Amino acid sequence: MSKQTDRAIREAVARLARIQRRDSTALSGGEAARYFGASAVSLTQGIRRRNAPMADRAIDRIWADAEAVAAAELAAAQQAKAAEIAAEAERRSSKKKGWW
């Protein structure tokens, strides 16, 4: 149970929560660029009183992809912690085996 793994889990949980709140600071650089580009198209079309369904779908897809990535990162961090706990338990149980 390392502090690094615990920290990675805390950060992944926080990032996932920020993505679910649609906080744009949680997006990676590429995701943020695509998000702001699609938002600009949507805003421009809105100013012209037109619909921009492709831009709106792109924004929804960016958020969905970011949430999936963050959830996968969280699952990976939790699996790493479970593996560390199992390894530590195995080490302790092998240590306790006596001469009998």
PDB file of N, CA and C in Angstrom:
ATOM      1  N   MET A   1       0.839  -1.179   0.000  1.00  0.00           N
ATOM      2  CA  MET A   1       0.000   0.000   0.000  1.00  0.00           C
ATOM      3  C   MET A   1       0.884   1.242   0.000  1.00  0.00           C
ATOM      4  N   SER A   2       1.291   1.604  -1.150  1.00  0.00           N
ATOM      5  CA  SER A   2       2.192   2.743  -1.229  1.00  0.00           C
ATOM      6  C   SER A   2       1.415   4.047  -1.270  1.00  0.00           C
ATOM      7  N   LYS A   3       2.094   5.066  -0.863  1.00  0.00           N
ATOM      8  CA  LYS A   3       1.480   6.392  -0.879  1.00  0.00           C
ATOM      9  C   LYS A   3       1.261   6.858  -2.309  1.00  0.00           C
ATOM     10  N   GLN A   4       2.131   6.420  -3.222  1.00  0.00           N
ATOM     11  CA  GLN A   4       1.987   6.817  -4.619  1.00  0.00           C
ATOM     12  C   GLN A   4       0.693   6.275  -5.214  1.00  0.00           C
ATOM     13  N   THR A   5       0.382   5.031  -4.901  1.00  0.00           N
ATOM     14  CA  THR A   5      -0.846   4.432  -5.422  1.00  0.00           C
ATOM     15  C   THR A   5      -2.064   5.118  -4.827  1.00  0.00           C
ATOM     16  N   ASP A   6      -2.020   5.384  -3.530  1.00  0.00           N
ATOM     17  CA  ASP A   6      -3.136   6.076  -2.890  1.00  0.00           C
ATOM     18  C   ASP A   6      -3.330   7.470  -3.492  1.00  0.00           C
ATOM     19  N   ARG A   7      -2.218   8.149  -3.748  1.00  0.00           N
ATOM     20  CA  ARG A   7      -2.292   9.477  -4.345  1.00  0.00           C
ATOM     21  C   ARG A   7      -2.858   9.404  -5.765  1.00  0.00           C
ATOM     22  N   ALA A   8      -2.440   8.402  -6.522  1.00  0.00           N
ATOM     23  CA  ALA A   8      -2.953   8.239  -7.883  1.00  0.00           C
ATOM     24  C   ALA A   8      -4.460   7.984  -7.863  1.00  0.00           C
ATOM     25  N   ILE A   9      -4.920   7.213  -6.893  1.00  0.00           N
ATOM     26  CA  ILE A   9      -6.356   6.947  -6.776  1.00  0.00           C
ATOM     27  C   ILE A   9      -7.103   8.223  -6.422  1.00  0.00           C
ATOM     28  N   ARG A  10      -6.577   8.979  -5.456  1.00  0.00           N
ATOM     29  CA  ARG A  10      -7.231  10.243  -5.082  1.00  0.00           C
ATOM     30  C   ARG A  10      -7.313  11.196  -6.269  1.00  0.00           C
ATOM     31  N   GLU A  11      -6.223  11.300  -7.028  1.00  0.00           N
ATOM     32  CA  GLU A  11      -6.211  12.192  -8.181  1.00  0.00           C
ATOM     33  C   GLU A  11      -7.179  11.713  -9.263  1.00  0.00           C
ATOM     34  N   ALA A  12      -7.256  10.404  -9.469  1.00  0.00           N
ATOM     35  CA  ALA A  12      -8.169   9.867 -10.479  1.00  0.00           C
ATOM     36  C   ALA A  12      -9.622  10.098 -10.078  1.00  0.00           C
ATOM     37  N   VAL A  13      -9.925   9.938  -8.801  1.00  0.00           N
ATOM     38  CA  VAL A  13     -11.287  10.181  -8.318  1.00  0.00           C
ATOM     39  C   VAL A  13     -11.636  11.653  -8.485  1.00  0.00           C
ATOM     40  N   ALA A  14     -10.705  12.538  -8.148  1.00  0.00           N
ATOM     41  CA  ALA A  14     -10.952  13.975  -8.277  1.00  0.00           C
ATOM     42  C   ALA A  14     -11.133  14.367  -9.742  1.00  0.00           C
ATOM     43  N   ARG A  15     -10.309  13.802 -10.618  1.00  0.00           N
ATOM     44  CA  ARG A  15     -10.418  14.126 -12.047  1.00  0.00           C
ATOM     45  C   ARG A  15     -11.746  13.624 -12.607  1.00  0.00           C
ATOM     46  N   LEU A  16     -12.132  12.416 -12.223  1.00  0.00           N
ATOM     47  CA  LEU A  16     -13.408  11.878 -12.694  1.00  0.00           C
ATOM     48  C   LEU A  16     -14.573  12.747 -12.217  1.00  0.00           C
ATOM     49  N   ALA A  17     -14.509  13.199 -10.973  1.00  0.00           N
ATOM     50  CA  ALA A  17     -15.574  14.071 -10.453  1.00  0.00           C
ATOM     51  C   ALA A  17     -15.615  15.395 -11.210  1.00  0.00           C
ATOM     52  N   ARG A  18     -14.442  15.949 -11.529  1.00  0.00           N
ATOM     53  CA  ARG A  18     -14.404  17.206 -12.280  1.00  0.00           C
ATOM     54  C   ARG A  18     -14.943  17.014 -13.696  1.00  0.00           C
ATOM     55  N   ILE A  19     -14.651  15.888 -14.298  1.00  0.00           N
ATOM     56  CA  ILE A  19     -15.162  15.620 -15.644  1.00  0.00           C
ATOM     57  C   ILE A  19     -16.672  15.458 -15.602  1.00  0.00           C
ATOM     58  N   GLN A  20     -17.180  14.777 -14.582  1.00  0.00           N
ATOM     59  CA  GLN A  20     -18.624  14.599 -14.471  1.00  0.00           C
ATOM     60  C   GLN A  20     -19.337  15.924 -14.224  1.00  0.00           C
ATOM     61  N   ARG A  21     -18.632  16.885 -13.599  1.00  0.00           N
ATOM     62  CA  ARG A  21     -19.194  18.223 -13.413  1.00  0.00           C
ATOM     63  C   ARG A  21     -18.990  19.095 -14.646  1.00  0.00           C
ATOM     64  N   ARG A  22     -18.323  18.545 -15.659  1.00  0.00           N
ATOM     65  CA  ARG A  22     -18.014  19.242 -16.909  1.00  0.00           C
ATOM     66  C   ARG A  22     -17.098  20.441 -16.680  1.00  0.00           C
ATOM     67  N   ASP A  23     -16.093  20.233 -15.849  1.00  0.00           N
ATOM     68  CA  ASP A  23     -15.084  21.253 -15.597  1.00  0.00           C
ATOM     69  C   ASP A  23     -13.999  21.101 -16.665  1.00  0.00           C
ATOM     70  N   SER A  24     -13.827  22.092 -17.498  1.00  0.00           N
ATOM     71  CA  SER A  24     -12.909  21.969 -18.630  1.00  0.00           C
ATOM     72  C   SER A  24     -11.446  21.868 -18.207  1.00  0.00           C
ATOM     73  N   THR A  25     -11.113  22.225 -16.971  1.00  0.00           N
ATOM     74  CA  THR A  25      -9.726  22.100 -16.532  1.00  0.00           C
ATOM     75  C   THR A  25      -9.320  20.641 -16.344  1.00  0.00           C
ATOM     76  N   ALA A  26     -10.281  19.736 -16.293  1.00  0.00           N
ATOM     77  CA  ALA A  26      -9.967  18.322 -16.119  1.00  0.00           C
ATOM     78  C   ALA A  26      -9.587  17.648 -17.433  1.00  0.00           C
ATOM     79  N   LEU A  27      -9.828  18.319 -18.549  1.00  0.00           N
ATOM     80  CA  LEU A  27      -9.525  17.728 -19.851  1.00  0.00           C
ATOM     81  C   LEU A  27      -8.030  17.792 -20.133  1.00  0.00           C
ATOM     82  N   SER A  28      -7.548  16.798 -20.892  1.00  0.00           N
ATOM     83  CA  SER A  28      -6.143  16.830 -21.306  1.00  0.00           C
ATOM     84  C   SER A  28      -5.986  17.900 -22.385  1.00  0.00           C
ATOM     85  N   GLY A  29      -4.763  18.134 -22.807  1.00  0.00           N
ATOM     86  CA  GLY A  29      -4.503  19.194 -23.781  1.00  0.00           C
ATOM     87  C   GLY A  29      -5.234  19.001 -25.094  1.00  0.00           C
ATOM     88  N   GLY A  30      -5.165  17.806 -25.645  1.00  0.00           N
ATOM     89  CA  GLY A  30      -5.843  17.532 -26.908  1.00  0.00           C
ATOM     90  C   GLY A  30      -7.349  17.595 -26.777  1.00  0.00           C
ATOM     91  N   GLU A  31      -7.856  17.047 -25.674  1.00  0.00           N
ATOM     92  CA  GLU A  31      -9.297  17.086 -25.434  1.00  0.00           C
ATOM     93  C   GLU A  31      -9.776  18.525 -25.278  1.00  0.00           C
ATOM     94  N   ALA A  32      -8.992  19.319 -24.560  1.00  0.00           N
ATOM     95  CA  ALA A  32      -9.370  20.720 -24.346  1.00  0.00           C
ATOM     96  C   ALA A  32      -9.385  21.482 -25.667  1.00  0.00           C
ATOM     97  N   ALA A  33      -8.409  21.215 -26.526  1.00  0.00           N
ATOM     98  CA  ALA A  33      -8.366  21.894 -27.822  1.00  0.00           C
ATOM     99  C   ALA A  33      -9.587  21.535 -28.662  1.00  0.00           C
ATOM    100  N   ARG A  34      -9.923  20.250 -28.692  1.00  0.00           N
ATOM    101  CA  ARG A  34     -11.105  19.840 -29.452  1.00  0.00           C
ATOM    102  C   ARG A  34     -12.377  20.418 -28.853  1.00  0.00           C
ATOM    103  N   TYR A  35     -12.440  20.443 -27.513  1.00  0.00           N
ATOM    104  CA  TYR A  35     -13.624  20.972 -26.829  1.00  0.00           C
ATOM    105  C   TYR A  35     -13.819  22.457 -27.140  1.00  0.00           C
ATOM    106  N   PHE A  36     -12.748  23.235 -27.026  1.00  0.00           N
ATOM    107  CA  PHE A  36     -12.874  24.666 -27.272  1.00  0.00           C
ATOM    108  C   PHE A  36     -13.142  24.965 -28.742  1.00  0.00           C
ATOM    109  N   GLY A  37     -12.597  24.143 -29.633  1.00  0.00           N
ATOM    110  CA  GLY A  37     -12.897  24.310 -31.057  1.00  0.00           C
ATOM    111  C   GLY A  37     -14.367  24.059 -31.350  1.00  0.00           C
ATOM    112  N   ALA A  38     -14.899  22.970 -30.803  1.00  0.00           N
ATOM    113  CA  ALA A  38     -16.317  22.653 -31.011  1.00  0.00           C
ATOM    114  C   ALA A  38     -17.209  23.691 -30.331  1.00  0.00           C
ATOM    115  N   SER A  39     -16.779  24.181 -29.174  1.00  0.00           N
ATOM    116  CA  SER A  39     -17.555  25.211 -28.479  1.00  0.00           C
ATOM    117  C   SER A  39     -17.591  26.503 -29.286  1.00  0.00           C
ATOM    118  N   ALA A  40     -16.481  26.824 -29.927  1.00  0.00           N
ATOM    119  CA  ALA A  40     -16.431  28.037 -30.747  1.00  0.00           C
ATOM    120  C   ALA A  40     -17.381  27.915 -31.934  1.00  0.00           C
ATOM    121  N   VAL A  41     -17.409  26.742 -32.552  1.00  0.00           N
ATOM    122  CA  VAL A  41     -18.323  26.527 -33.674  1.00  0.00           C
ATOM    123  C   VAL A  41     -19.762  26.647 -33.194  1.00  0.00           C
ATOM    124  N   SER A  42     -20.061  26.022 -32.064  1.00  0.00           N
ATOM    125  CA  SER A  42     -21.421  26.065 -31.525  1.00  0.00           C
ATOM    126  C   SER A  42     -21.817  27.495 -31.164  1.00  0.00           C
ATOM    127  N   LEU A  43     -20.905  28.223 -30.561  1.00  0.00           N
ATOM    128  CA  LEU A  43     -21.186  29.605 -30.187  1.00  0.00           C
ATOM    129  C   LEU A  43     -21.401  30.478 -31.428  1.00  0.00           C
ATOM    130  N   THR A  44     -20.554  30.291 -32.419  1.00  0.00           N
ATOM    131  CA  THR A  44     -20.685  31.072 -33.652  1.00  0.00           C
ATOM    132  C   THR A  44     -22.013  30.798 -34.328  1.00  0.00           C
ATOM    133  N   GLN A  45     -22.383  29.542 -34.396  1.00  0.00           N
ATOM    134  CA  GLN A  45     -23.661  29.196 -35.016  1.00  0.00           C
ATOM    135  C   GLN A  45     -24.827  29.709 -34.165  1.00  0.00           C
ATOM    136  N   GLY A  46     -24.667  29.697 -32.860  1.00  0.00           N
ATOM    137  CA  GLY A  46     -25.709  30.227 -31.985  1.00  0.00           C
ATOM    138  C   GLY A  46     -25.913  31.712 -32.167  1.00  0.00           C
ATOM    139  N   ILE A  47     -24.816  32.424 -32.363  1.00  0.00           N
ATOM    140  CA  ILE A  47     -24.910  33.872 -32.605  1.00  0.00           C
ATOM    141  C   ILE A  47     -25.659  34.131 -33.909  1.00  0.00           C
ATOM    142  N   ARG A  48     -25.440  33.257 -34.877  1.00  0.00           N
ATOM    143  CA  ARG A  48     -26.122  33.398 -36.172  1.00  0.00           C
ATOM    144  C   ARG A  48     -27.528  32.790 -36.155  1.00  0.00           C
ATOM    145  N   ARG A  49     -27.944  32.345 -34.988  1.00  0.00           N
ATOM    146  CA  ARG A  49     -29.265  31.735 -34.795  1.00  0.00           C
ATOM    147  C   ARG A  49     -29.474  30.506 -35.659  1.00  0.00           C
ATOM    148  N   ARG A  50     -28.430  29.690 -35.705  1.00  0.00           N
ATOM    149  CA  ARG A  50     -28.507  28.423 -36.409  1.00  0.00           C
ATOM    150  C   ARG A  50     -28.177  27.317 -35.418  1.00  0.00           C
ATOM    151  N   ASN A  51     -28.610  26.134 -35.747  1.00  0.00           N
ATOM    152  CA  ASN A  51     -28.261  24.972 -34.926  1.00  0.00           C
ATOM    153  C   ASN A  51     -26.896  24.454 -35.348  1.00  0.00           C
ATOM    154  N   ALA A  52     -26.193  23.871 -34.413  1.00  0.00           N
ATOM    155  CA  ALA A  52     -24.900  23.257 -34.706  1.00  0.00           C
ATOM    156  C   ALA A  52     -24.888  21.858 -34.094  1.00  0.00           C
ATOM    157  N   PRO A  53     -25.698  20.949 -34.655  1.00  0.00           N
ATOM    158  CA  PRO A  53     -25.805  19.627 -34.040  1.00  0.00           C
ATOM    159  C   PRO A  53     -24.496  18.832 -34.063  1.00  0.00           C
ATOM    160  N   MET A  54     -23.700  19.006 -35.111  1.00  0.00           N
ATOM    161  CA  MET A  54     -22.439  18.265 -35.164  1.00  0.00           C
ATOM    162  C   MET A  54     -21.490  18.725 -34.067  1.00  0.00           C
ATOM    163  N   ALA A  55     -21.441  20.021 -33.841  1.00  0.00           N
ATOM    164  CA  ALA A  55     -20.574  20.551 -32.786  1.00  0.00           C
ATOM    165  C   ALA A  55     -21.069  20.116 -31.414  1.00  0.00           C
ATOM    166  N   ASP A  56     -22.389  20.116 -31.235  1.00  0.00           N
ATOM    167  CA  ASP A  56     -22.951  19.686 -29.954  1.00  0.00           C
ATOM    168  C   ASP A  56     -22.663  18.209 -29.701  1.00  0.00           C
ATOM    169  N   ARG A  57     -22.786  17.393 -30.747  1.00  0.00           N
ATOM    170  CA  ARG A  57     -22.476  15.965 -30.594  1.00  0.00           C
ATOM    171  C   ARG A  57     -20.985  15.764 -30.318  1.00  0.00           C
ATOM    172  N   ALA A  58     -20.152  16.573 -30.959  1.00  0.00           N
ATOM    173  CA  ALA A  58     -18.708  16.473 -30.734  1.00  0.00           C
ATOM    174  C   ALA A  58     -18.373  16.809 -29.285  1.00  0.00           C
ATOM    175  N   ILE A  59     -19.010  17.822 -28.739  1.00  0.00           N
ATOM    176  CA  ILE A  59     -18.777  18.197 -27.342  1.00  0.00           C
ATOM    177  C   ILE A  59     -19.205  17.062 -26.420  1.00  0.00           C
ATOM    178  N   ASP A  60     -20.375  16.495 -26.669  1.00  0.00           N
ATOM    179  CA  ASP A  60     -20.845  15.374 -25.849  1.00  0.00           C
ATOM    180  C   ASP A  60     -19.903  14.180 -25.954  1.00  0.00           C
ATOM    181  N   ARG A  61     -19.397  13.919 -27.161  1.00  0.00           N
ATOM    182  CA  ARG A  61     -18.479  12.806 -27.370  1.00  0.00           C
ATOM    183  C   ARG A  61     -17.146  13.047 -26.639  1.00  0.00           C
ATOM    184  N   ILE A  62     -16.673  14.277 -26.655  1.00  0.00           N
ATOM    185  CA  ILE A  62     -15.423  14.609 -25.949  1.00  0.00           C
ATOM    186  C   ILE A  62     -15.577  14.338 -24.462  1.00  0.00           C
ATOM    187  N   TRP A  63     -16.695  14.775 -23.879  1.00  0.00           N
ATOM    188  CA  TRP A  63     -16.914  14.544 -22.448  1.00  0.00           C
ATOM    189  C   TRP A  63     -17.058  13.059 -22.141  1.00  0.00           C
ATOM    190  N   ALA A  64     -17.764  12.330 -23.009  1.00  0.00           N
ATOM    191  CA  ALA A  64     -17.951  10.897 -22.783  1.00  0.00           C
ATOM    192  C   ALA A  64     -16.614  10.158 -22.872  1.00  0.00           C
ATOM    193  N   ASP A  65     -15.798  10.518 -23.855  1.00  0.00           N
ATOM    194  CA  ASP A  65     -14.487   9.882 -23.994  1.00  0.00           C
ATOM    195  C   ASP A  65     -13.585  10.208 -22.809  1.00  0.00           C
ATOM    196  N   ALA A  66     -13.612  11.456 -22.371  1.00  0.00           N
ATOM    197  CA  ALA A  66     -12.791  11.858 -21.225  1.00  0.00           C
ATOM    198  C   ALA A  66     -13.230  11.117 -19.964  1.00  0.00           C
ATOM    199  N   GLU A  67     -14.537  10.946 -19.799  1.00  0.00           N
ATOM    200  CA  GLU A  67     -15.040  10.218 -18.629  1.00  0.00           C
ATOM    201  C   GLU A  67     -14.626   8.756 -18.685  1.00  0.00           C
ATOM    202  N   ALA A  68     -14.671   8.166 -19.871  1.00  0.00           N
ATOM    203  CA  ALA A  68     -14.262   6.767 -20.010  1.00  0.00           C
ATOM    204  C   ALA A  68     -12.774   6.595 -19.697  1.00  0.00           C
ATOM    205  N   VAL A  69     -11.962   7.522 -20.166  1.00  0.00           N
ATOM    206  CA  VAL A  69     -10.521   7.459 -19.899  1.00  0.00           C
ATOM    207  C   VAL A  69     -10.243   7.616 -18.403  1.00  0.00           C
ATOM    208  N   ALA A  70     -10.923   8.571 -17.773  1.00  0.00           N
ATOM    209  CA  ALA A  70     -10.720   8.795 -16.344  1.00  0.00           C
ATOM    210  C   ALA A  70     -11.185   7.591 -15.529  1.00  0.00           C
ATOM    211  N   ALA A  71     -12.281   6.974 -15.926  1.00  0.00           N
ATOM    212  CA  ALA A  71     -12.765   5.789 -15.228  1.00  0.00           C
ATOM    213  C   ALA A  71     -11.791   4.628 -15.392  1.00  0.00           C
ATOM    214  N   ALA A  72     -11.208   4.491 -16.583  1.00  0.00           N
ATOM    215  CA  ALA A  72     -10.221   3.436 -16.813  1.00  0.00           C
ATOM    216  C   ALA A  72      -8.960   3.673 -15.986  1.00  0.00           C
ATOM    217  N   GLU A  73      -8.531   4.929 -15.885  1.00  0.00           N
ATOM    218  CA  GLU A  73      -7.364   5.248 -15.059  1.00  0.00           C
ATOM    219  C   GLU A  73      -7.630   4.923 -13.593  1.00  0.00           C
ATOM    220  N   LEU A  74      -8.837   5.238 -13.129  1.00  0.00           N
ATOM    221  CA  LEU A  74      -9.203   4.940 -11.753  1.00  0.00           C
ATOM    222  C   LEU A  74      -9.222   3.435 -11.521  1.00  0.00           C
ATOM    223  N   ALA A  75      -9.792   2.684 -12.445  1.00  0.00           N
ATOM    224  CA  ALA A  75      -9.840   1.225 -12.305  1.00  0.00           C
ATOM    225  C   ALA A  75      -8.430   0.638 -12.290  1.00  0.00           C
ATOM    226  N   ALA A  76      -7.553   1.158 -13.137  1.00  0.00           N
ATOM    227  CA  ALA A  76      -6.177   0.664 -13.174  1.00  0.00           C
ATOM    228  C   ALA A  76      -5.452   0.954 -11.859  1.00  0.00           C
ATOM    229  N   ALA A  77      -5.657   2.131 -11.313  1.00  0.00           N
ATOM    230  CA  ALA A  77      -5.025   2.483 -10.041  1.00  0.00           C
ATOM    231  C   ALA A  77      -5.558   1.601  -8.910  1.00  0.00           C
ATOM    232  N   GLN A  78      -6.860   1.328  -8.926  1.00  0.00           N
ATOM    233  CA  GLN A  78      -7.432   0.472  -7.892  1.00  0.00           C
ATOM    234  C   GLN A  78      -6.931  -0.962  -8.033  1.00  0.00           C
ATOM    235  N   GLN A  79      -6.763  -1.436  -9.259  1.00  0.00           N
ATOM    236  CA  GLN A  79      -6.213  -2.779  -9.458  1.00  0.00           C
ATOM    237  C   GLN A  79      -4.765  -2.850  -8.988  1.00  0.00           C
ATOM    238  N   ALA A  80      -4.010  -1.786  -9.227  1.00  0.00           N
ATOM    239  CA  ALA A  80      -2.627  -1.757  -8.767  1.00  0.00           C
ATOM    240  C   ALA A  80      -2.571  -1.813  -7.247  1.00  0.00           C
ATOM    241  N   LYS A  81      -3.469  -1.098  -6.591  1.00  0.00           N
ATOM    242  CA  LYS A  81      -3.508  -1.132  -5.132  1.00  0.00           C
ATOM    243  C   LYS A  81      -3.893  -2.520  -4.640  1.00  0.00           C
ATOM    244  N   ALA A  82      -4.860  -3.159  -5.291  1.00  0.00           N
ATOM    245  CA  ALA A  82      -5.264  -4.510  -4.903  1.00  0.00           C
ATOM    246  C   ALA A  82      -4.107  -5.490  -5.087  1.00  0.00           C
ATOM    247  N   ALA A  83      -3.340  -5.319  -6.154  1.00  0.00           N
ATOM    248  CA  ALA A  83      -2.183  -6.185  -6.384  1.00  0.00           C
ATOM    249  C   ALA A  83      -1.123  -5.969  -5.306  1.00  0.00           C
ATOM    250  N   GLU A  84      -0.916  -4.711  -4.909  1.00  0.00           N
ATOM    251  CA  GLU A  84       0.045  -4.431  -3.842  1.00  0.00           C
ATOM    252  C   GLU A  84      -0.400  -5.068  -2.526  1.00  0.00           C
ATOM    253  N   ILE A  85      -1.682  -4.975  -2.234  1.00  0.00           N
ATOM    254  CA  ILE A  85      -2.206  -5.561  -0.994  1.00  0.00           C
ATOM    255  C   ILE A  85      -2.051  -7.077  -1.022  1.00  0.00           C
ATOM    256  N   ALA A  86      -2.348  -7.683  -2.165  1.00  0.00           N
ATOM    257  CA  ALA A  86      -2.212  -9.139  -2.284  1.00  0.00           C
ATOM    258  C   ALA A  86      -0.754  -9.566  -2.147  1.00  0.00           C
ATOM    259  N   ALA A  87       0.149  -8.815  -2.754  1.00  0.00           N
ATOM    260  CA  ALA A  87       1.576  -9.141  -2.654  1.00  0.00           C
ATOM    261  C   ALA A  87       2.063  -9.010  -1.214  1.00  0.00           C
ATOM    262  N   GLU A  88       1.608  -7.967  -0.537  1.00  0.00           N
ATOM    263  CA  GLU A  88       1.997  -7.775   0.865  1.00  0.00           C
ATOM    264  C   GLU A  88       1.439  -8.900   1.732  1.00  0.00           C
ATOM    265  N   ALA A  89       0.211  -9.296   1.481  1.00  0.00           N
ATOM    266  CA  ALA A  89      -0.382 -10.393   2.249  1.00  0.00           C
ATOM    267  C   ALA A  89       0.367 -11.696   1.993  1.00  0.00           C
ATOM    268  N   GLU A  90       0.739 -11.936   0.760  1.00  0.00           N
ATOM    269  CA  GLU A  90       1.509 -13.142   0.425  1.00  0.00           C
ATOM    270  C   GLU A  90       2.868 -13.110   1.106  1.00  0.00           C
ATOM    271  N   ARG A  91       3.490 -11.953   1.109  1.00  0.00           N
ATOM    272  CA  ARG A  91       4.803 -11.834   1.746  1.00  0.00           C
ATOM    273  C   ARG A  91       4.694 -12.107   3.243  1.00  0.00           C
ATOM    274  N   ARG A  92       3.665 -11.560   3.864  1.00  0.00           N
ATOM    275  CA  ARG A  92       3.501 -11.765   5.297  1.00  0.00           C
ATOM    276  C   ARG A  92       3.160 -13.206   5.635  1.00  0.00           C
ATOM    277  N   SER A  93       2.330 -13.831   4.819  1.00  0.00           N
ATOM    278  CA  SER A  93       1.962 -15.215   5.115  1.00  0.00           C
ATOM    279  C   SER A  93       3.143 -16.153   4.904  1.00  0.00           C
ATOM    280  N   SER A  94       3.981 -15.885   3.911  1.00  0.00           N
ATOM    281  CA  SER A  94       5.155 -16.735   3.697  1.00  0.00           C
ATOM    282  C   SER A  94       6.184 -16.506   4.797  1.00  0.00           C
ATOM    283  N   LYS A  95       6.204 -15.337   5.350  1.00  0.00           N
ATOM    284  CA  LYS A  95       7.128 -15.004   6.417  1.00  0.00           C
ATOM    285  C   LYS A  95       6.751 -15.739   7.703  1.00  0.00           C
ATOM    286  N   LYS A  96       5.444 -15.944   7.923  1.00  0.00           N
ATOM    287  CA  LYS A  96       4.973 -16.554   9.143  1.00  0.00           C
ATOM    288  C   LYS A  96       5.076 -18.078   9.120  1.00  0.00           C
ATOM    289  N   LYS A  97       5.306 -18.666   7.964  1.00  0.00           N
ATOM    290  CA  LYS A  97       5.426 -20.110   7.904  1.00  0.00           C
ATOM    291  C   LYS A  97       6.671 -20.530   8.683  1.00  0.00           C
ATOM    292  N   GLY A  98       6.431 -21.371   9.630  1.00  0.00           N
ATOM    293  CA  GLY A  98       7.525 -21.783  10.507  1.00  0.00           C
ATOM    294  C   GLY A  98       8.209 -23.049  10.001  1.00  0.00           C
ATOM    295  N   TRP A  99       8.929 -23.623  10.848  1.00  0.00           N
ATOM    296  CA  TRP A  99       9.662 -24.824  10.498  1.00  0.00           C
ATOM    297  C   TRP A  99       8.767 -26.030  10.459  1.00  0.00           C
ATOM    298  N   TRP A 100       7.567 -25.916  10.910  1.00  0.00           N
ATOM    299  CA  TRP A 100       6.655 -27.035  10.907  1.00  0.00           C
ATOM    300  C   TRP A 100       5.854 -27.022   9.683  1.00  0.00           C
TER     301      TRP A 100
END
